[in-house]
């Protein structure tokens, strides 16, 4: 059996965590075996890397964009080896909040690193694994950042300026335009229930195709 790999991407405040959880529950109710995970994280090693990369206290560290990219990919390599590939081989649907496209958007379009180099690093980390379906939860950065209380913001939300987040959003939209067969774009500025309806519709349409 071969499973299906679905990723949710988007700027900060797009609702990936909440919507991924709701989507996993909906798919389980339809009888699917679902493995819900996230990036960075999803494994003991990944969660340690996540704390280093995202905790606001890490803002005191001088983390170069290339170091960011390599750390994200280290956590990604462990997640693929320990969680994603075994679940796919068992025939499960793997639902992941963020994957390699986030590195292309954040460290590539946002921080200015060459996207081709980042793709090569991600290919090594994932062994060439790519999602079957990627859903971009699109939201204007000003809207998304307002959804987070100041004390709840991660390092990227608290330490990077609005122009950076605008470049990230533009990067996601460009990536989606380059691979329309894999990507679907959902407007995440609306109420979460409306967004979820569209999200579920996209996944059902992909199942039927």
C-alpha atoms as a PDB file:
ATOM      1  CA  UNK A   1       0.000   0.000   0.000  1.00  0.00           C
ATOM      2  CA  UNK A   2       1.120   3.534  -0.721  1.00  0.00           C
ATOM      3  CA  UNK A   3      -0.227   6.441   1.285  1.00  0.00           C
ATOM      4  CA  UNK A   4      -0.790  10.052   0.349  1.00  0.00           C
ATOM      5  CA  UNK A   5       1.328  12.996   1.468  1.00  0.00           C
ATOM      6  CA  UNK A   6      -0.484  16.316   2.004  1.00  0.00           C
ATOM      7  CA  UNK A   7       1.177  19.495   3.259  1.00  0.00           C
ATOM      8  CA  UNK A   8      -0.247  22.791   4.468  1.00  0.00           C
ATOM      9  CA  UNK A   9       1.832  25.880   3.817  1.00  0.00           C
ATOM     10  CA  UNK A  10       1.405  29.597   4.341  1.00  0.00           C
ATOM     11  CA  UNK A  11       2.615  32.763   6.030  1.00  0.00           C
ATOM     12  CA  UNK A  12       2.455  33.346   9.766  1.00  0.00           C
ATOM     13  CA  UNK A  13      -1.059  33.428  11.172  1.00  0.00           C
ATOM     14  CA  UNK A  14      -2.637  31.507   8.292  1.00  0.00           C
ATOM     15  CA  UNK A  15      -4.142  28.905  10.636  1.00  0.00           C
ATOM     16  CA  UNK A  16      -2.076  25.884   9.606  1.00  0.00           C
ATOM     17  CA  UNK A  17      -1.991  24.207  13.011  1.00  0.00           C
ATOM     18  CA  UNK A  18      -5.723  24.504  13.735  1.00  0.00           C
ATOM     19  CA  UNK A  19      -6.777  23.587  10.212  1.00  0.00           C
ATOM     20  CA  UNK A  20      -4.393  20.633   9.989  1.00  0.00           C
ATOM     21  CA  UNK A  21      -5.892  19.214  13.181  1.00  0.00           C
ATOM     22  CA  UNK A  22      -9.448  19.693  11.906  1.00  0.00           C
ATOM     23  CA  UNK A  23      -8.599  18.164   8.552  1.00  0.00           C
ATOM     24  CA  UNK A  24      -7.001  15.130  10.207  1.00  0.00           C
ATOM     25  CA  UNK A  25     -10.137  14.586  12.293  1.00  0.00           C
ATOM     26  CA  UNK A  26     -12.381  14.884   9.234  1.00  0.00           C
ATOM     27  CA  UNK A  27     -10.310  12.392   7.255  1.00  0.00           C
ATOM     28  CA  UNK A  28     -10.307   9.937  10.157  1.00  0.00           C
ATOM     29  CA  UNK A  29     -14.108  10.149  10.296  1.00  0.00           C
ATOM     30  CA  UNK A  30     -14.111   9.156   6.620  1.00  0.00           C
ATOM     31  CA  UNK A  31     -12.214   5.986   7.541  1.00  0.00           C
ATOM     32  CA  UNK A  32      -8.670   7.025   6.646  1.00  0.00           C
ATOM     33  CA  UNK A  33      -5.614   6.274   8.744  1.00  0.00           C
ATOM     34  CA  UNK A  34      -4.021   9.690   9.228  1.00  0.00           C
ATOM     35  CA  UNK A  35      -0.600  10.651  10.570  1.00  0.00           C
ATOM     36  CA  UNK A  36      -0.610  14.312  11.636  1.00  0.00           C
ATOM     37  CA  UNK A  37       2.763  15.982  12.071  1.00  0.00           C
ATOM     38  CA  UNK A  38       4.490  19.339  11.763  1.00  0.00           C
ATOM     39  CA  UNK A  39       7.685  21.118  10.850  1.00  0.00           C
ATOM     40  CA  UNK A  40       9.995  21.721  12.458  1.00  0.00           C
ATOM     41  CA  UNK A  41       9.255  18.966  14.938  1.00  0.00           C
ATOM     42  CA  UNK A  42       7.389  15.692  14.848  1.00  0.00           C
ATOM     43  CA  UNK A  43      10.267  13.689  16.349  1.00  0.00           C
ATOM     44  CA  UNK A  44      12.259  14.041  19.586  1.00  0.00           C
ATOM     45  CA  UNK A  45      15.185  15.496  17.628  1.00  0.00           C
ATOM     46  CA  UNK A  46      12.899  17.720  15.580  1.00  0.00           C
ATOM     47  CA  UNK A  47      11.211  19.167  18.655  1.00  0.00           C
ATOM     48  CA  UNK A  48      14.602  20.126  20.087  1.00  0.00           C
ATOM     49  CA  UNK A  49      15.523  21.833  16.834  1.00  0.00           C
ATOM     50  CA  UNK A  50      12.109  23.532  16.825  1.00  0.00           C
ATOM     51  CA  UNK A  51      12.790  25.071  20.224  1.00  0.00           C
ATOM     52  CA  UNK A  52      16.105  26.443  18.984  1.00  0.00           C
ATOM     53  CA  UNK A  53      14.649  27.841  15.759  1.00  0.00           C
ATOM     54  CA  UNK A  54      11.321  29.245  16.921  1.00  0.00           C
ATOM     55  CA  UNK A  55      11.463  30.193  20.588  1.00  0.00           C
ATOM     56  CA  UNK A  56      11.652  33.938  21.070  1.00  0.00           C
ATOM     57  CA  UNK A  57      14.652  33.524  23.346  1.00  0.00           C
ATOM     58  CA  UNK A  58      16.503  32.300  20.252  1.00  0.00           C
ATOM     59  CA  UNK A  59      16.232  35.845  18.955  1.00  0.00           C
ATOM     60  CA  UNK A  60      19.267  36.614  21.086  1.00  0.00           C
ATOM     61  CA  UNK A  61      21.274  34.230  18.894  1.00  0.00           C
ATOM     62  CA  UNK A  62      22.795  35.373  15.625  1.00  0.00           C
ATOM     63  CA  UNK A  63      21.421  32.653  13.325  1.00  0.00           C
ATOM     64  CA  UNK A  64      22.556  33.055   9.726  1.00  0.00           C
ATOM     65  CA  UNK A  65      19.955  32.325   7.037  1.00  0.00           C
ATOM     66  CA  UNK A  66      22.021  29.369   5.788  1.00  0.00           C
ATOM     67  CA  UNK A  67      22.253  27.993   9.313  1.00  0.00           C
ATOM     68  CA  UNK A  68      18.469  28.376   9.578  1.00  0.00           C
ATOM     69  CA  UNK A  69      18.005  26.434   6.347  1.00  0.00           C
ATOM     70  CA  UNK A  70      20.366  23.653   7.415  1.00  0.00           C
ATOM     71  CA  UNK A  71      18.754  23.294  10.831  1.00  0.00           C
ATOM     72  CA  UNK A  72      15.270  23.126   9.329  1.00  0.00           C
ATOM     73  CA  UNK A  73      16.500  20.472   6.911  1.00  0.00           C
ATOM     74  CA  UNK A  74      18.179  18.465   9.664  1.00  0.00           C
ATOM     75  CA  UNK A  75      14.852  18.271  11.493  1.00  0.00           C
ATOM     76  CA  UNK A  76      13.157  17.478   8.151  1.00  0.00           C
ATOM     77  CA  UNK A  77      15.506  14.591   7.396  1.00  0.00           C
ATOM     78  CA  UNK A  78      14.719  13.002  10.750  1.00  0.00           C
ATOM     79  CA  UNK A  79      10.976  13.521  10.262  1.00  0.00           C
ATOM     80  CA  UNK A  80      11.019  11.880   6.832  1.00  0.00           C
ATOM     81  CA  UNK A  81      13.056   8.909   8.047  1.00  0.00           C
ATOM     82  CA  UNK A  82      11.273   8.372  11.352  1.00  0.00           C
ATOM     83  CA  UNK A  83       7.663   9.342  10.607  1.00  0.00           C
ATOM     84  CA  UNK A  84       6.681  10.256   7.059  1.00  0.00           C
ATOM     85  CA  UNK A  85       8.147   7.440   4.942  1.00  0.00           C
ATOM     86  CA  UNK A  86       7.079   4.639   7.336  1.00  0.00           C
ATOM     87  CA  UNK A  87       3.539   6.049   7.488  1.00  0.00           C
ATOM     88  CA  UNK A  88       3.307   6.341   3.693  1.00  0.00           C
ATOM     89  CA  UNK A  89       4.614   2.805   3.282  1.00  0.00           C
ATOM     90  CA  UNK A  90       1.896   1.648   5.695  1.00  0.00           C
ATOM     91  CA  UNK A  91      -0.737   3.254   3.463  1.00  0.00           C
ATOM     92  CA  UNK A  92      -1.571   6.182   5.742  1.00  0.00           C
ATOM     93  CA  UNK A  93      -2.392   9.751   4.784  1.00  0.00           C
ATOM     94  CA  UNK A  94       0.396  11.937   6.121  1.00  0.00           C
ATOM     95  CA  UNK A  95      -0.720  15.475   6.888  1.00  0.00           C
ATOM     96  CA  UNK A  96       2.142  17.852   7.654  1.00  0.00           C
ATOM     97  CA  UNK A  97       1.940  21.512   8.687  1.00  0.00           C
ATOM     98  CA  UNK A  98       4.875  22.940   6.678  1.00  0.00           C
ATOM     99  CA  UNK A  99       7.494  21.059   4.678  1.00  0.00           C
ATOM    100  CA  UNK A 100      10.335  21.890   2.306  1.00  0.00           C
ATOM    101  CA  UNK A 101       8.424  24.664   0.527  1.00  0.00           C
ATOM    102  CA  UNK A 102       8.581  26.727   3.722  1.00  0.00           C
ATOM    103  CA  UNK A 103      12.363  26.796   3.514  1.00  0.00           C
ATOM    104  CA  UNK A 104      12.160  27.983  -0.094  1.00  0.00           C
ATOM    105  CA  UNK A 105       9.737  30.743   0.900  1.00  0.00           C
ATOM    106  CA  UNK A 106      11.398  31.878   4.146  1.00  0.00           C
ATOM    107  CA  UNK A 107      15.111  31.420   3.639  1.00  0.00           C
ATOM    108  CA  UNK A 108      14.874  31.771  -0.155  1.00  0.00           C
ATOM    109  CA  UNK A 109      12.363  34.464  -1.038  1.00  0.00           C
ATOM    110  CA  UNK A 110      12.335  36.020   2.431  1.00  0.00           C
ATOM    111  CA  UNK A 111      16.031  35.988   3.350  1.00  0.00           C
ATOM    112  CA  UNK A 112      17.448  36.031  -0.180  1.00  0.00           C
ATOM    113  CA  UNK A 113      19.281  32.700  -0.408  1.00  0.00           C
ATOM    114  CA  UNK A 114      19.387  31.044  -3.857  1.00  0.00           C
ATOM    115  CA  UNK A 115      16.263  28.926  -4.195  1.00  0.00           C
ATOM    116  CA  UNK A 116      18.037  26.347  -6.369  1.00  0.00           C
ATOM    117  CA  UNK A 117      20.593  25.749  -3.620  1.00  0.00           C
ATOM    118  CA  UNK A 118      17.825  25.344  -1.055  1.00  0.00           C
ATOM    119  CA  UNK A 119      16.038  22.852  -3.321  1.00  0.00           C
ATOM    120  CA  UNK A 120      19.221  20.797  -3.539  1.00  0.00           C
ATOM    121  CA  UNK A 121      19.615  20.759   0.247  1.00  0.00           C
ATOM    122  CA  UNK A 122      15.978  19.748   0.683  1.00  0.00           C
ATOM    123  CA  UNK A 123      16.389  16.943  -1.849  1.00  0.00           C
ATOM    124  CA  UNK A 124      19.200  15.519   0.251  1.00  0.00           C
ATOM    125  CA  UNK A 125      17.210  15.874   3.470  1.00  0.00           C
ATOM    126  CA  UNK A 126      14.061  14.268   2.071  1.00  0.00           C
ATOM    127  CA  UNK A 127      15.620  11.742  -0.266  1.00  0.00           C
ATOM    128  CA  UNK A 128      13.629  13.374  -3.046  1.00  0.00           C
ATOM    129  CA  UNK A 129      10.271  12.993  -1.306  1.00  0.00           C
ATOM    130  CA  UNK A 130       7.682  15.568  -2.430  1.00  0.00           C
ATOM    131  CA  UNK A 131       4.066  16.054  -1.349  1.00  0.00           C
ATOM    132  CA  UNK A 132       1.249  14.723  -3.497  1.00  0.00           C
ATOM    133  CA  UNK A 133      -0.805  17.802  -2.638  1.00  0.00           C
ATOM    134  CA  UNK A 134       0.218  21.133  -1.121  1.00  0.00           C
ATOM    135  CA  UNK A 135      -2.410  23.602   0.056  1.00  0.00           C
ATOM    136  CA  UNK A 136      -1.364  27.214   0.485  1.00  0.00           C
ATOM    137  CA  UNK A 137      -3.380  28.958   3.178  1.00  0.00           C
ATOM    138  CA  UNK A 138      -2.915  32.458   1.853  1.00  0.00           C
ATOM    139  CA  UNK A 139      -3.214  35.506   4.095  1.00  0.00           C
ATOM    140  CA  UNK A 140      -1.853  39.031   3.982  1.00  0.00           C
ATOM    141  CA  UNK A 141       1.055  39.255   6.456  1.00  0.00           C
ATOM    142  CA  UNK A 142      -0.477  42.248   8.226  1.00  0.00           C
ATOM    143  CA  UNK A 143      -3.628  40.229   8.878  1.00  0.00           C
ATOM    144  CA  UNK A 144      -1.755  37.078   9.866  1.00  0.00           C
ATOM    145  CA  UNK A 145       0.604  38.809  12.272  1.00  0.00           C
ATOM    146  CA  UNK A 146      -2.290  40.602  13.978  1.00  0.00           C
ATOM    147  CA  UNK A 147      -3.769  37.229  14.824  1.00  0.00           C
ATOM    148  CA  UNK A 148      -0.884  36.478  17.162  1.00  0.00           C
ATOM    149  CA  UNK A 149      -0.685  38.105  20.593  1.00  0.00           C
ATOM    150  CA  UNK A 150       2.702  39.835  21.048  1.00  0.00           C
ATOM    151  CA  UNK A 151       3.693  37.441  23.810  1.00  0.00           C
ATOM    152  CA  UNK A 152       2.790  34.393  21.716  1.00  0.00           C
ATOM    153  CA  UNK A 153       4.880  35.254  18.669  1.00  0.00           C
ATOM    154  CA  UNK A 154       7.732  32.997  17.615  1.00  0.00           C
ATOM    155  CA  UNK A 155      11.195  34.197  16.564  1.00  0.00           C
ATOM    156  CA  UNK A 156      10.186  34.799  12.953  1.00  0.00           C
ATOM    157  CA  UNK A 157       7.043  36.698  13.925  1.00  0.00           C
ATOM    158  CA  UNK A 158       8.793  38.804  16.536  1.00  0.00           C
ATOM    159  CA  UNK A 159      12.194  39.436  14.956  1.00  0.00           C
ATOM    160  CA  UNK A 160      11.571  39.783  11.203  1.00  0.00           C
ATOM    161  CA  UNK A 161      10.025  42.916   9.704  1.00  0.00           C
ATOM    162  CA  UNK A 162       6.858  43.218   7.652  1.00  0.00           C
ATOM    163  CA  UNK A 163       8.755  43.428   4.362  1.00  0.00           C
ATOM    164  CA  UNK A 164      10.334  40.052   5.104  1.00  0.00           C
ATOM    165  CA  UNK A 165       6.905  38.504   5.648  1.00  0.00           C
ATOM    166  CA  UNK A 166       5.585  40.122   2.467  1.00  0.00           C
ATOM    167  CA  UNK A 167       8.435  38.526   0.526  1.00  0.00           C
ATOM    168  CA  UNK A 168       7.618  35.172   2.119  1.00  0.00           C
ATOM    169  CA  UNK A 169       3.989  35.418   1.039  1.00  0.00           C
ATOM    170  CA  UNK A 170       4.999  36.431  -2.475  1.00  0.00           C
ATOM    171  CA  UNK A 171       7.378  33.475  -2.519  1.00  0.00           C
ATOM    172  CA  UNK A 172       4.637  31.034  -1.599  1.00  0.00           C
ATOM    173  CA  UNK A 173       2.391  32.416  -4.345  1.00  0.00           C
ATOM    174  CA  UNK A 174       5.218  32.117  -6.866  1.00  0.00           C
ATOM    175  CA  UNK A 175       5.912  28.525  -5.853  1.00  0.00           C
ATOM    176  CA  UNK A 176       2.213  27.712  -6.236  1.00  0.00           C
ATOM    177  CA  UNK A 177       2.123  29.288  -9.689  1.00  0.00           C
ATOM    178  CA  UNK A 178       5.157  27.259 -10.783  1.00  0.00           C
ATOM    179  CA  UNK A 179       3.566  23.893  -9.872  1.00  0.00           C
ATOM    180  CA  UNK A 180      -0.202  24.242 -10.332  1.00  0.00           C
ATOM    181  CA  UNK A 181      -0.635  20.468 -10.562  1.00  0.00           C
ATOM    182  CA  UNK A 182       0.546  20.080  -6.943  1.00  0.00           C
ATOM    183  CA  UNK A 183      -0.565  23.312  -5.293  1.00  0.00           C
ATOM    184  CA  UNK A 184      -4.001  24.652  -4.417  1.00  0.00           C
ATOM    185  CA  UNK A 185      -4.498  28.126  -2.930  1.00  0.00           C
ATOM    186  CA  UNK A 186      -7.151  28.782  -0.277  1.00  0.00           C
ATOM    187  CA  UNK A 187      -8.002  32.265   1.000  1.00  0.00           C
ATOM    188  CA  UNK A 188      -7.301  32.122   4.739  1.00  0.00           C
ATOM    189  CA  UNK A 189      -8.355  35.682   5.572  1.00  0.00           C
ATOM    190  CA  UNK A 190     -11.932  34.496   6.233  1.00  0.00           C
ATOM    191  CA  UNK A 191     -13.539  32.846   9.257  1.00  0.00           C
ATOM    192  CA  UNK A 192     -11.871  29.537  10.066  1.00  0.00           C
ATOM    193  CA  UNK A 193     -15.049  27.546   9.338  1.00  0.00           C
ATOM    194  CA  UNK A 194     -15.257  28.927   5.794  1.00  0.00           C
ATOM    195  CA  UNK A 195     -11.576  28.242   5.234  1.00  0.00           C
ATOM    196  CA  UNK A 196     -11.979  24.688   6.501  1.00  0.00           C
ATOM    197  CA  UNK A 197     -14.898  24.024   4.154  1.00  0.00           C
ATOM    198  CA  UNK A 198     -12.751  25.004   1.180  1.00  0.00           C
ATOM    199  CA  UNK A 199      -9.786  23.050   2.516  1.00  0.00           C
ATOM    200  CA  UNK A 200     -11.843  19.890   2.875  1.00  0.00           C
ATOM    201  CA  UNK A 201     -13.279  20.421  -0.577  1.00  0.00           C
ATOM    202  CA  UNK A 202      -9.802  20.618  -2.078  1.00  0.00           C
ATOM    203  CA  UNK A 203      -8.759  17.369  -0.421  1.00  0.00           C
ATOM    204  CA  UNK A 204     -11.930  15.556  -1.502  1.00  0.00           C
ATOM    205  CA  UNK A 205     -11.474  16.753  -5.078  1.00  0.00           C
ATOM    206  CA  UNK A 206      -7.879  15.477  -5.025  1.00  0.00           C
ATOM    207  CA  UNK A 207      -9.067  12.096  -3.726  1.00  0.00           C
ATOM    208  CA  UNK A 208     -11.533  11.818  -6.583  1.00  0.00           C
ATOM    209  CA  UNK A 209      -9.021  12.717  -9.301  1.00  0.00           C
END
